[in-house]
Each structure stands twice: as structure tokens, then as C-alpha cells.
């Protein structure tokens, strides 16, 4: 099993101005992006780079893990 990508993902989100909104259901958090003006879900058990990159895309961030 791969290690969690959550810490690295959160660093990128914060660096791009995204903010934590609230705790979601289960292992998910709800974040908001100032770029896309959308809320999106971030699981803190994330292990998949394609999923992490999809979250960054939802946030309007062009960076990839």
C-alpha cells in the first residue's frame, strides 16, 4: 500500500489559497477554492495520485502530484 498523499495535497491547496470549510462524512473534508469558486471533497485517506490530481483540477489548480 502506498503512503497517504494528504499532507502533500493540502500543502498545494493552501499554497493556492484554498481553505478548509468543514468536516464532511467519514474520512472526507470539504474545502473551497478561490480559483474555481467551488467546494470540493478531500479524503484524508487519499492514496491515489490520479484521484489527488482530479481534486487539484476541481480546485482549478494546474499542478500535479
C-alpha atoms as a PDB file:
ATOM      1  CA  UNK A   1       0.000   0.000   0.000  1.00  0.00           C
ATOM      2  CA  UNK A   2       1.232   3.484  -0.789  1.00  0.00           C
ATOM      3  CA  UNK A   3       1.606   6.210   1.791  1.00  0.00           C
ATOM      4  CA  UNK A   4      -1.021   8.911   2.173  1.00  0.00           C
ATOM      5  CA  UNK A   5      -0.828  11.824  -0.253  1.00  0.00           C
ATOM      6  CA  UNK A   6      -2.969  14.008   2.038  1.00  0.00           C
ATOM      7  CA  UNK A   7      -0.142  16.155   3.550  1.00  0.00           C
ATOM      8  CA  UNK A   8       1.344  16.986   0.134  1.00  0.00           C
ATOM      9  CA  UNK A   9      -2.111  17.663  -1.352  1.00  0.00           C
ATOM     10  CA  UNK A  10      -3.037  20.032   1.500  1.00  0.00           C
ATOM     11  CA  UNK A  11       0.237  21.968   1.057  1.00  0.00           C
ATOM     12  CA  UNK A  12      -0.598  22.558  -2.619  1.00  0.00           C
ATOM     13  CA  UNK A  13      -4.200  23.522  -1.813  1.00  0.00           C
ATOM     14  CA  UNK A  14      -3.155  26.029   0.877  1.00  0.00           C
ATOM     15  CA  UNK A  15      -0.393  27.480  -1.307  1.00  0.00           C
ATOM     16  CA  UNK A  16      -3.068  28.230  -3.933  1.00  0.00           C
ATOM     17  CA  UNK A  17      -5.423  29.892  -1.436  1.00  0.00           C
ATOM     18  CA  UNK A  18      -7.852  27.031  -0.842  1.00  0.00           C
ATOM     19  CA  UNK A  19      -9.443  26.922   2.604  1.00  0.00           C
ATOM     20  CA  UNK A  20     -10.900  24.206   4.814  1.00  0.00           C
ATOM     21  CA  UNK A  21     -14.670  24.725   5.141  1.00  0.00           C
ATOM     22  CA  UNK A  22     -15.870  21.856   7.319  1.00  0.00           C
ATOM     23  CA  UNK A  23     -15.593  18.182   8.145  1.00  0.00           C
ATOM     24  CA  UNK A  24     -17.542  16.001   5.719  1.00  0.00           C
ATOM     25  CA  UNK A  25     -18.868  12.490   6.175  1.00  0.00           C
ATOM     26  CA  UNK A  26     -16.464   9.751   7.188  1.00  0.00           C
ATOM     27  CA  UNK A  27     -12.894  10.424   6.131  1.00  0.00           C
ATOM     28  CA  UNK A  28     -13.676  13.469   3.971  1.00  0.00           C
ATOM     29  CA  UNK A  29     -13.201  17.200   4.405  1.00  0.00           C
ATOM     30  CA  UNK A  30     -14.888  19.963   2.435  1.00  0.00           C
ATOM     31  CA  UNK A  31     -12.577  22.649   1.009  1.00  0.00           C
ATOM     32  CA  UNK A  32     -13.237  25.767  -1.067  1.00  0.00           C
ATOM     33  CA  UNK A  33     -11.155  27.144  -3.923  1.00  0.00           C
ATOM     34  CA  UNK A  34     -10.858  30.875  -4.649  1.00  0.00           C
ATOM     35  CA  UNK A  35      -9.831  29.964  -8.205  1.00  0.00           C
ATOM     36  CA  UNK A  36     -12.848  27.855  -9.224  1.00  0.00           C
ATOM     37  CA  UNK A  37     -15.229  29.301  -6.583  1.00  0.00           C
ATOM     38  CA  UNK A  38     -16.337  25.712  -5.850  1.00  0.00           C
ATOM     39  CA  UNK A  39     -16.438  23.458  -2.835  1.00  0.00           C
ATOM     40  CA  UNK A  40     -14.826  20.047  -3.220  1.00  0.00           C
ATOM     41  CA  UNK A  41     -14.261  16.947  -1.137  1.00  0.00           C
ATOM     42  CA  UNK A  42     -10.804  15.854   0.063  1.00  0.00           C
ATOM     43  CA  UNK A  43     -10.418  12.418   1.709  1.00  0.00           C
ATOM     44  CA  UNK A  44      -7.660  12.389   4.306  1.00  0.00           C
ATOM     45  CA  UNK A  45      -7.012   8.728   3.476  1.00  0.00           C
ATOM     46  CA  UNK A  46      -6.086   9.513  -0.149  1.00  0.00           C
ATOM     47  CA  UNK A  47      -3.534   7.107  -1.656  1.00  0.00           C
ATOM     48  CA  UNK A  48      -4.174   7.528  -5.383  1.00  0.00           C
ATOM     49  CA  UNK A  49      -2.259  10.096  -7.461  1.00  0.00           C
ATOM     50  CA  UNK A  50      -4.951  10.181 -10.190  1.00  0.00           C
ATOM     51  CA  UNK A  51      -7.579  10.991  -7.543  1.00  0.00           C
ATOM     52  CA  UNK A  52      -5.356  13.662  -5.979  1.00  0.00           C
ATOM     53  CA  UNK A  53      -4.781  15.213  -9.404  1.00  0.00           C
ATOM     54  CA  UNK A  54      -8.537  15.183 -10.068  1.00  0.00           C
ATOM     55  CA  UNK A  55      -9.066  17.086  -6.793  1.00  0.00           C
ATOM     56  CA  UNK A  56      -6.483  19.668  -7.862  1.00  0.00           C
ATOM     57  CA  UNK A  57      -8.267  20.000 -11.206  1.00  0.00           C
ATOM     58  CA  UNK A  58     -11.611  20.560  -9.415  1.00  0.00           C
ATOM     59  CA  UNK A  59      -9.927  23.317  -7.431  1.00  0.00           C
ATOM     60  CA  UNK A  60      -8.699  24.941 -10.646  1.00  0.00           C
ATOM     61  CA  UNK A  61      -5.050  24.238  -9.883  1.00  0.00           C
ATOM     62  CA  UNK A  62      -2.821  23.205 -12.800  1.00  0.00           C
ATOM     63  CA  UNK A  63      -0.228  21.464 -10.601  1.00  0.00           C
ATOM     64  CA  UNK A  64       0.035  17.673 -10.427  1.00  0.00           C
ATOM     65  CA  UNK A  65       1.414  15.270  -7.835  1.00  0.00           C
END
